[in-house]
Amino acid sequence: MAVDDLRNELAVKIKEIPPIEKKLKFQIDGEIMLIDGSGSENVMSAMDEEADCTITMSEDTYLKLQNKQIKPMIATLTGKLKVKGDLALARKLKELM
């Protein structure tokens, strides 16, 4: 699955949850996906701007998380998933999986 496909899939999923009230940035294989939930709804963009939390991983790790082949905590402990910033916001990742 290409990163563009992941972006489109995530753009649909973020509409299904309440606004996250902050900015959450994913860096997947160098591609940026920014979820801005600071307004009345979550909005997806490819803007590389400051975020309250940045989650970095490979496309392979994202797919394993999506398919529940790896748990977020294990991915973090093994260095496959890196979180910088607001850890509580990173937990919202579970809602998007």
C-alpha atoms as a PDB file:
ATOM      1  CA  MET A   1       0.000   0.000   0.000  1.00  0.00           C
ATOM      2  CA  ALA A   2       1.456   3.364  -1.007  1.00  0.00           C
ATOM      3  CA  VAL A   3       1.701   6.247   1.438  1.00  0.00           C
ATOM      4  CA  ASP A   4      -0.902   8.145  -0.628  1.00  0.00           C
ATOM      5  CA  ASP A   5      -3.348   5.285  -0.027  1.00  0.00           C
ATOM      6  CA  LEU A   6      -2.570   5.427   3.694  1.00  0.00           C
ATOM      7  CA  ARG A   7      -3.187   9.186   3.670  1.00  0.00           C
ATOM      8  CA  ASN A   8      -6.576   8.718   1.989  1.00  0.00           C
ATOM      9  CA  GLU A   9      -7.557   5.957   4.420  1.00  0.00           C
ATOM     10  CA  LEU A  10      -6.522   8.046   7.423  1.00  0.00           C
ATOM     11  CA  ALA A  11      -8.377  11.099   6.063  1.00  0.00           C
ATOM     12  CA  VAL A  12     -11.602   9.071   6.182  1.00  0.00           C
ATOM     13  CA  LYS A  13     -10.941   7.670   9.662  1.00  0.00           C
ATOM     14  CA  ILE A  14     -10.233  11.060  11.251  1.00  0.00           C
ATOM     15  CA  LYS A  15     -13.690  12.260  10.230  1.00  0.00           C
ATOM     16  CA  GLU A  16     -15.204   9.442  12.317  1.00  0.00           C
ATOM     17  CA  ILE A  17     -13.733  10.612  15.635  1.00  0.00           C
ATOM     18  CA  PRO A  18     -14.279  13.843  17.587  1.00  0.00           C
ATOM     19  CA  PRO A  19     -11.726  16.657  17.093  1.00  0.00           C
ATOM     20  CA  ILE A  20      -8.467  15.760  18.822  1.00  0.00           C
ATOM     21  CA  GLU A  21      -8.086  19.431  19.892  1.00  0.00           C
ATOM     22  CA  LYS A  22      -4.397  19.491  18.897  1.00  0.00           C
ATOM     23  CA  LYS A  23      -2.101  18.773  15.967  1.00  0.00           C
ATOM     24  CA  LEU A  24      -0.807  15.249  15.414  1.00  0.00           C
ATOM     25  CA  LYS A  25       1.831  14.634  12.750  1.00  0.00           C
ATOM     26  CA  PHE A  26       2.693  11.286  11.203  1.00  0.00           C
ATOM     27  CA  GLN A  27       5.968  10.814   9.346  1.00  0.00           C
ATOM     28  CA  ILE A  28       5.712   7.574   7.405  1.00  0.00           C
ATOM     29  CA  ASP A  29       8.726   6.799   5.233  1.00  0.00           C
ATOM     30  CA  GLY A  30       9.459  10.541   5.119  1.00  0.00           C
ATOM     31  CA  GLU A  31       5.956  11.510   3.985  1.00  0.00           C
ATOM     32  CA  ILE A  32       4.019  13.936   6.198  1.00  0.00           C
ATOM     33  CA  MET A  33       0.430  13.498   7.308  1.00  0.00           C
ATOM     34  CA  LEU A  34      -0.741  16.245   9.645  1.00  0.00           C
ATOM     35  CA  ILE A  35      -4.038  15.939  11.486  1.00  0.00           C
ATOM     36  CA  ASP A  36      -5.191  19.325  12.720  1.00  0.00           C
ATOM     37  CA  GLY A  37      -7.951  18.781  15.239  1.00  0.00           C
ATOM     38  CA  SER A  38      -7.781  22.255  16.750  1.00  0.00           C
ATOM     39  CA  GLY A  39     -11.009  23.364  15.035  1.00  0.00           C
ATOM     40  CA  SER A  40     -14.525  21.982  14.850  1.00  0.00           C
ATOM     41  CA  GLU A  41     -13.345  18.866  12.972  1.00  0.00           C
ATOM     42  CA  ASN A  42     -10.161  16.949  12.240  1.00  0.00           C
ATOM     43  CA  VAL A  43      -8.504  18.066   8.996  1.00  0.00           C
ATOM     44  CA  MET A  44      -5.772  16.186   7.119  1.00  0.00           C
ATOM     45  CA  SER A  45      -2.960  17.881   5.221  1.00  0.00           C
ATOM     46  CA  ALA A  46       0.576  17.208   3.990  1.00  0.00           C
ATOM     47  CA  MET A  47       1.907  20.380   5.633  1.00  0.00           C
ATOM     48  CA  ASP A  48       5.154  19.972   7.550  1.00  0.00           C
ATOM     49  CA  GLU A  49       4.464  22.285  10.456  1.00  0.00           C
ATOM     50  CA  GLU A  50       4.865  22.170  14.210  1.00  0.00           C
ATOM     51  CA  ALA A  51       2.644  19.616  15.910  1.00  0.00           C
ATOM     52  CA  ASP A  52       1.849  18.795  19.518  1.00  0.00           C
ATOM     53  CA  CYS A  53       2.946  15.231  18.817  1.00  0.00           C
ATOM     54  CA  THR A  54       4.961  13.662  16.001  1.00  0.00           C
ATOM     55  CA  ILE A  55       4.832   9.928  15.346  1.00  0.00           C
ATOM     56  CA  THR A  56       7.504   8.495  13.058  1.00  0.00           C
ATOM     57  CA  MET A  57       7.466   4.999  11.560  1.00  0.00           C
ATOM     58  CA  SER A  58       7.895   3.027   8.364  1.00  0.00           C
ATOM     59  CA  GLU A  59       5.028   2.086   6.075  1.00  0.00           C
ATOM     60  CA  ASP A  60       5.604  -1.543   7.059  1.00  0.00           C
ATOM     61  CA  THR A  61       5.167  -0.709  10.761  1.00  0.00           C
ATOM     62  CA  TYR A  62       2.029   1.308  10.021  1.00  0.00           C
ATOM     63  CA  LEU A  63       0.517  -1.649   8.166  1.00  0.00           C
ATOM     64  CA  LYS A  64       1.428  -4.032  11.003  1.00  0.00           C
ATOM     65  CA  LEU A  65      -0.245  -1.693  13.504  1.00  0.00           C
ATOM     66  CA  GLN A  66      -3.279  -1.407  11.250  1.00  0.00           C
ATOM     67  CA  ASN A  67      -3.566  -5.197  10.935  1.00  0.00           C
ATOM     68  CA  LYS A  68      -2.919  -5.695  14.673  1.00  0.00           C
ATOM     69  CA  GLN A  69       0.240  -7.683  13.948  1.00  0.00           C
ATOM     70  CA  ILE A  70       2.187  -5.523  16.400  1.00  0.00           C
ATOM     71  CA  LYS A  71       1.093  -3.535  19.440  1.00  0.00           C
ATOM     72  CA  PRO A  72       1.970   0.171  19.653  1.00  0.00           C
ATOM     73  CA  MET A  73       3.916  -0.342  22.907  1.00  0.00           C
ATOM     74  CA  ILE A  74       6.030  -3.121  21.365  1.00  0.00           C
ATOM     75  CA  ALA A  75       6.644  -1.022  18.241  1.00  0.00           C
ATOM     76  CA  THR A  76       7.784   1.855  20.472  1.00  0.00           C
ATOM     77  CA  LEU A  77      10.022  -0.289  22.674  1.00  0.00           C
ATOM     78  CA  THR A  78      11.702  -1.871  19.637  1.00  0.00           C
ATOM     79  CA  GLY A  79      12.292   1.515  17.975  1.00  0.00           C
ATOM     80  CA  LYS A  80       9.926   0.863  15.074  1.00  0.00           C
ATOM     81  CA  LEU A  81       7.641   3.679  16.231  1.00  0.00           C
ATOM     82  CA  LYS A  82       9.004   6.932  17.649  1.00  0.00           C
ATOM     83  CA  VAL A  83       6.920   9.487  19.512  1.00  0.00           C
ATOM     84  CA  LYS A  84       8.007  13.067  20.121  1.00  0.00           C
ATOM     85  CA  GLY A  85       5.850  15.432  22.148  1.00  0.00           C
ATOM     86  CA  ASP A  86       2.476  14.860  23.802  1.00  0.00           C
ATOM     87  CA  LEU A  87       2.289  11.145  24.683  1.00  0.00           C
ATOM     88  CA  ALA A  88      -1.381  11.389  25.677  1.00  0.00           C
ATOM     89  CA  LEU A  89      -2.137  12.616  22.168  1.00  0.00           C
ATOM     90  CA  ALA A  90      -0.162   9.695  20.735  1.00  0.00           C
ATOM     91  CA  ARG A  91      -2.571   7.343  22.507  1.00  0.00           C
ATOM     92  CA  LYS A  92      -5.308   8.646  20.201  1.00  0.00           C
ATOM     93  CA  LEU A  93      -3.531   6.625  17.520  1.00  0.00           C
ATOM     94  CA  LYS A  94      -5.436   3.638  18.902  1.00  0.00           C
ATOM     95  CA  GLU A  95      -8.721   5.278  17.827  1.00  0.00           C
ATOM     96  CA  LEU A  96      -7.404   5.539  14.269  1.00  0.00           C
ATOM     97  CA  MET A  97      -6.401   1.892  13.952  1.00  0.00           C
END
